[in-house]
Protein backbone atom coordinates (compact mmCIF):
# COMPACT_ATOMS: atom_id res chain seq x y z
CA UNK A 1 0.00 0.00 0.00
CA UNK A 2 1.43 3.46 -0.87
CA UNK A 3 2.58 5.48 2.11
CA UNK A 4 -0.05 8.21 1.70
CA UNK A 5 -2.80 5.59 1.66
CA UNK A 6 -1.36 3.95 4.77
CA UNK A 7 -1.17 7.30 6.56
CA UNK A 8 -4.75 8.29 5.93
CA UNK A 9 -6.01 4.76 6.58
CA UNK A 10 -4.43 4.97 10.05
CA UNK A 11 -5.96 8.41 10.53
CA UNK A 12 -9.40 7.06 9.73
CA UNK A 13 -8.95 4.01 11.96
CA UNK A 14 -7.94 6.21 14.89
CA UNK A 15 -11.05 8.36 14.68
CA UNK A 16 -9.64 11.31 12.78
CA UNK A 17 -6.38 11.98 14.67
CA UNK A 18 -3.34 11.30 12.52
CA UNK A 19 -0.85 8.81 13.96
CA UNK A 20 2.58 7.80 12.74
CA UNK A 21 4.81 4.92 13.80
CA UNK A 22 8.39 6.14 14.29
CA UNK A 23 11.37 3.86 14.78
CA UNK A 24 14.09 5.32 17.01
CA UNK A 25 17.19 3.51 15.78
CA UNK A 26 19.44 3.17 18.83
CA UNK A 27 22.40 2.06 16.74
CA UNK A 28 25.87 0.81 17.67
CA UNK A 29 28.25 3.31 16.05
CA UNK A 30 31.99 2.57 15.87
CA UNK A 31 34.34 5.48 15.30
CA UNK A 32 36.05 5.38 11.92
CA UNK A 33 34.13 2.31 10.71
CA UNK A 34 31.61 3.60 8.16
CA UNK A 35 31.05 0.31 6.36
CA UNK A 36 30.12 -1.58 9.53
CA UNK A 37 27.99 1.31 10.76
CA UNK A 38 26.08 1.62 7.50
CA UNK A 39 25.51 -2.13 7.38
CA UNK A 40 23.92 -1.91 10.84
CA UNK A 41 21.78 1.00 9.68
CA UNK A 42 20.61 -1.08 6.71
CA UNK A 43 19.68 -3.96 9.00
CA UNK A 44 17.81 -1.64 11.34
CA UNK A 45 15.90 -0.12 8.43
CA UNK A 46 14.73 -3.60 7.49
CA UNK A 47 13.59 -4.23 11.06
CA UNK A 48 11.77 -0.89 11.15
CA UNK A 49 9.97 -1.69 7.90
CA UNK A 50 8.98 -5.14 9.19
CA UNK A 51 7.45 -3.48 12.27
CA UNK A 52 5.45 -1.04 10.18
CA UNK A 53 7.44 2.11 10.89
CA UNK A 54 6.72 4.98 8.53
CA UNK A 55 9.65 7.06 9.76
CA UNK A 56 13.06 5.82 10.91
CA UNK A 57 15.28 8.14 12.94
CA UNK A 58 18.98 7.20 13.12
CA UNK A 59 21.82 8.69 15.24
CA UNK A 60 24.22 11.59 14.73
CA UNK A 61 27.32 11.06 12.55
CA UNK A 62 26.41 7.39 12.11
CA UNK A 63 28.99 6.92 9.37
CA UNK A 64 32.28 7.92 11.04
CA UNK A 65 31.08 8.46 14.60
CA UNK A 66 30.67 11.79 16.38
CA UNK A 67 34.01 13.56 17.05
CA UNK A 68 36.12 10.80 15.49
CA UNK A 69 39.33 12.29 13.97
CA UNK A 70 38.79 10.50 10.64
CA UNK A 71 36.09 13.09 9.91
CA UNK A 72 38.85 15.49 8.90
CA UNK A 73 40.02 13.28 6.03
CA UNK A 74 37.31 10.68 5.32
CA UNK A 75 34.09 12.71 5.35
CA UNK A 76 32.20 12.73 2.04
CA UNK A 77 29.95 15.23 0.26
CA UNK A 78 26.15 15.11 0.40
CA UNK A 79 24.95 13.91 -2.03
CA UNK A 80 27.62 11.25 -2.04
CA UNK A 81 28.20 7.53 -1.42
CA UNK A 82 27.02 7.49 2.22
CA UNK A 83 23.94 9.65 1.74
CA UNK A 84 23.11 7.65 -1.39
CA UNK A 85 22.93 4.50 0.73
CA UNK A 86 20.47 6.16 3.12
CA UNK A 87 18.39 7.32 0.15
CA UNK A 88 18.41 3.79 -1.27
CA UNK A 89 17.16 2.43 2.06
CA UNK A 90 14.29 4.90 2.13
CA UNK A 91 13.34 3.93 -1.42
CA UNK A 92 13.67 0.20 -0.77
CA UNK A 93 11.49 0.22 2.34
CA UNK A 94 9.16 3.05 1.26
CA UNK A 95 9.70 4.99 4.48
CA UNK A 96 11.02 8.36 5.55
CA UNK A 97 14.51 8.22 7.07
CA UNK A 98 16.31 10.90 9.08
CA UNK A 99 20.00 10.15 9.57
CA UNK A 100 23.10 11.94 10.83
CA UNK A 101 26.16 11.91 8.56
CA UNK A 102 29.55 13.61 8.38
CA UNK A 103 29.57 16.00 5.41
CA UNK A 104 32.49 17.48 3.50
CA UNK A 105 31.90 20.70 1.61
CA UNK A 106 35.16 21.93 0.12
CA UNK A 107 37.60 22.53 2.95
CA UNK A 108 34.88 22.38 5.62
CA UNK A 109 33.35 19.45 7.50
CA UNK A 110 29.83 19.58 8.92
CA UNK A 111 27.85 17.49 11.38
CA UNK A 112 24.82 17.05 9.12
CA UNK A 113 21.39 15.41 9.18
CA UNK A 114 19.37 14.48 6.11
CA UNK A 115 15.65 13.75 5.92
CA UNK A 116 14.78 11.49 3.00
CA UNK A 117 11.35 10.66 1.59
CA UNK A 118 10.10 7.21 0.47
CA UNK A 119 11.16 7.97 -3.10
CA UNK A 120 14.76 8.38 -1.99
CA UNK A 121 14.79 12.17 -2.29
CA UNK A 122 16.55 14.37 0.29
CA UNK A 123 13.91 16.82 1.53
CA UNK A 124 16.04 18.56 4.19
CA UNK A 125 19.79 18.84 4.72
CA UNK A 126 20.60 20.45 8.06
CA UNK A 127 24.02 21.30 9.51
CA UNK A 128 24.32 21.33 13.30
CA UNK A 129 24.48 24.78 14.89
CA UNK A 130 25.10 24.18 18.60
CA UNK A 131 28.28 22.12 18.17
CA UNK A 132 30.37 21.51 21.30
CA UNK A 133 33.49 23.66 21.63
CA UNK A 134 35.76 20.63 21.94
CA UNK A 135 35.04 19.61 18.35
CA UNK A 136 35.28 22.99 16.64
CA UNK A 137 38.55 21.79 15.16
CA UNK A 138 36.52 19.21 13.22
CA UNK A 139 33.08 20.62 12.48
CA UNK A 140 32.06 23.98 11.05
CA UNK A 141 28.87 25.60 12.31
CA UNK A 142 25.64 25.38 10.34
CA UNK A 143 23.89 28.58 9.28
CA UNK A 144 20.35 27.58 8.31
CA UNK A 145 17.22 25.94 9.73
CA UNK A 146 14.38 24.39 7.79
CA UNK A 147 11.15 22.45 7.99
CA UNK A 148 9.25 20.42 5.41
CA UNK A 149 5.58 19.61 4.89
CA UNK A 150 4.80 15.89 4.83
CA UNK A 151 1.67 13.73 5.03
CA UNK A 152 2.39 13.58 8.79
CA UNK A 153 2.44 17.35 9.21
CA UNK A 154 5.33 19.80 9.30
CA UNK A 155 8.63 18.22 10.35
CA UNK A 156 11.73 20.08 11.54
CA UNK A 157 15.25 18.69 11.87
CA UNK A 158 17.97 19.48 14.41
CA UNK A 159 20.84 17.56 16.01
CA UNK A 160 21.67 16.50 19.58
CA UNK A 161 23.01 19.54 21.54
CA UNK A 162 20.72 21.82 19.55
CA UNK A 163 18.22 20.70 22.21
CA UNK A 164 20.27 21.80 25.23
CA UNK A 165 18.38 23.94 27.69
CA UNK A 166 20.58 26.91 26.79
CA UNK A 167 19.99 26.56 23.04
CA UNK A 168 16.21 26.29 22.91
CA UNK A 169 16.16 29.21 20.49
CA UNK A 170 16.80 26.64 17.75
CA UNK A 171 13.67 24.71 18.69
CA UNK A 172 11.71 27.95 19.06
CA UNK A 173 12.56 28.89 15.48
CA UNK A 174 11.46 25.48 14.22
CA UNK A 175 8.25 25.92 16.22
CA UNK A 176 7.66 29.34 14.68
CA UNK A 177 8.22 27.74 11.27
CA UNK A 178 5.30 25.46 12.07
CA UNK A 179 7.04 22.24 13.15
CA UNK A 180 4.64 19.73 14.69
CA UNK A 181 7.37 17.09 14.96
CA UNK A 182 11.12 17.57 15.45
CA UNK A 183 13.51 14.73 14.59
CA UNK A 184 16.95 14.90 16.19
CA UNK A 185 19.81 12.48 15.43
CA UNK A 186 21.97 12.37 18.58
CA UNK A 187 25.05 10.88 20.27
CA UNK A 188 24.50 11.31 24.01
CA UNK A 189 27.49 10.49 26.20
CA UNK A 190 28.44 9.87 29.82
CA UNK A 191 31.81 9.30 31.50
CA UNK A 192 32.99 5.72 31.42
CA UNK A 193 32.62 5.35 35.18
CA UNK A 194 28.87 6.04 35.16
CA UNK A 195 27.11 2.79 36.03
CA UNK A 196 23.76 1.43 34.94
CA UNK A 197 21.71 2.94 37.75
CA UNK A 198 18.57 4.94 37.04
CA UNK A 199 18.62 7.58 34.35
CA UNK A 200 22.18 8.82 33.72
CA UNK A 201 20.92 12.01 32.07
CA UNK A 202 18.36 13.01 34.68
CA UNK A 203 16.36 15.88 33.20
CA UNK A 204 19.14 16.94 30.79
CA UNK A 205 17.22 15.91 27.68
CA UNK A 206 13.63 15.41 28.81
CA UNK A 207 13.21 18.81 30.46
CA UNK A 208 14.16 21.07 27.51
CA UNK A 209 12.29 18.82 25.07
CA UNK A 210 9.20 18.99 27.26
CA UNK A 211 9.53 22.77 27.54
CA UNK A 212 9.30 23.13 23.76
CA UNK A 213 6.72 20.38 23.33
CA UNK A 214 4.37 21.95 25.87
CA UNK A 215 4.77 25.49 24.50
CA UNK A 216 4.13 24.57 20.86
CA UNK A 217 2.17 21.32 21.29
CA UNK A 218 4.76 19.42 19.25
CA UNK A 219 6.54 16.07 19.57
CA UNK A 220 10.34 15.85 19.78
CA UNK A 221 12.11 12.58 18.95
CA UNK A 222 15.81 11.88 19.54
CA UNK A 223 17.64 8.70 18.57
CA UNK A 224 21.12 8.27 20.01
CA UNK A 225 23.95 5.88 19.31
CA UNK A 226 25.41 3.33 21.71
CA UNK A 227 28.97 2.10 22.17
CA UNK A 228 32.27 3.51 23.42
CA UNK A 229 33.94 6.50 21.80
CA UNK A 230 37.46 5.88 20.54
CA UNK A 231 39.68 8.71 19.38
CA UNK A 232 39.11 12.43 19.63
CA UNK A 233 38.23 14.74 22.50
CA UNK A 234 35.64 12.37 24.04
CA UNK A 235 37.71 9.18 23.87
CA UNK A 236 36.65 6.72 26.56
CA UNK A 237 33.17 8.14 27.08
CA UNK A 238 30.16 5.90 26.59
CA UNK A 239 27.13 6.42 24.39
CA UNK A 240 24.41 4.72 26.38
CA UNK A 241 21.09 5.07 24.59
CA UNK A 242 17.91 6.30 26.29
CA UNK A 243 16.54 7.48 22.92
CA UNK A 244 13.25 9.23 23.55
CA UNK A 245 10.07 10.80 22.26
CA UNK A 246 8.54 13.65 24.25
CA UNK A 247 5.15 15.35 23.82
CA UNK A 248 3.28 18.09 25.61
CA UNK A 249 2.28 15.67 28.38
CA UNK A 250 5.82 14.41 28.91
CA UNK A 251 7.74 11.27 28.01
CA UNK A 252 6.07 9.06 25.39
CA UNK A 253 8.74 6.36 25.06
CA UNK A 254 12.38 5.85 26.05
CA UNK A 255 15.02 3.35 24.99
CA UNK A 256 17.14 1.23 27.31
CA UNK A 257 20.24 2.58 29.04
CA UNK A 258 23.48 0.73 28.32
CA UNK A 259 26.40 1.09 25.95
CA UNK A 260 25.43 -2.31 24.50
CA UNK A 261 21.70 -1.52 24.20
CA UNK A 262 21.43 -1.39 20.42
CA UNK A 263 17.73 -1.68 19.64
CA UNK A 264 14.87 -0.29 17.62
CA UNK A 265 12.52 1.65 19.88
CA UNK A 266 9.08 1.94 18.27
CA UNK A 267 6.89 4.91 19.15
CA UNK A 268 3.28 5.39 18.10
CA UNK A 269 2.99 9.16 17.86
CA UNK A 270 -0.23 11.14 17.62
CA UNK A 271 0.58 14.18 15.52
CA UNK A 272 -0.53 17.42 17.21
CA UNK A 273 -2.80 19.78 15.35
CA UNK A 274 -1.14 22.72 13.56
CA UNK A 275 -0.39 25.54 16.00
CA UNK A 276 -0.38 29.32 15.78
CA UNK A 277 1.54 31.12 13.03
CA UNK A 278 3.36 34.42 12.71
CA UNK A 279 2.67 37.02 15.39
CA UNK A 280 -0.04 34.74 16.81
CA UNK A 281 2.83 32.60 18.16
CA UNK A 282 3.82 35.41 20.51
CA UNK A 283 0.27 35.68 21.79
CA UNK A 284 0.15 31.90 22.28
CA UNK A 285 3.40 31.93 24.26
CA UNK A 286 2.23 34.89 26.32
CA UNK A 287 -1.00 33.09 27.17
CA UNK A 288 1.08 30.13 28.38
CA UNK A 289 3.16 32.39 30.63
CA UNK A 290 6.36 32.24 28.60
CA UNK A 291 6.33 35.98 27.96
CA UNK A 292 5.13 38.58 30.43
């Protein structure tokens, strides 16, 4: 069944509210091993398709690994061989895929995310803005934001630390551009000595996501890698999962915590109705107490 037909069939079955099944691909990413990483992404795409996912969200820099030094010499253009493989997956499985890749553009390298439609076409290419200072020697800073209209509503793309509590302006702009859903490839880390007790991030990711979700009535999804970082400024730190989806009422779903917890986390998301536009956004935020 074509994806548009499946979307509106689900909408009808759910009594008029549009729902979408999103796979959060909590993927093992090895620094400097693009072939192995892309093979895992291909396998996870097949699993997501088998489970009926209409969107698959994959981690940040899934090709070379976030902050791995090989980015300086082995990153490839977009479009290019790595992005072409993601596009081929979207076409093969007739699903939308959002994936983080390492992009070379001339002498510059960017931490980039692409959002690909079921025909294998890149709808959005976004370069991370709020990049950590320790990796400024690798990645240049992005200069644009964008959203795209889809059968699931308006979707915005950002990456990992763009969702820090002190960088919510990025999410605010996406909200003002009409985003009902934000997809965020990520690579969340903790020190190696942090043990598997409770939630290692506390409110670090849920709180800012919930702030935006409640203000704009949107859903924010983040898929993070797992594994141990080798090479670069964060060598020895662990990527330990906890991929999540957050809506206006709080946490919708969360992945397991562990550096070995590679898994597909499936979230059934009810797409919020379109929210205010233009100057009406300011009035909406004022009514919610954000502005005085």
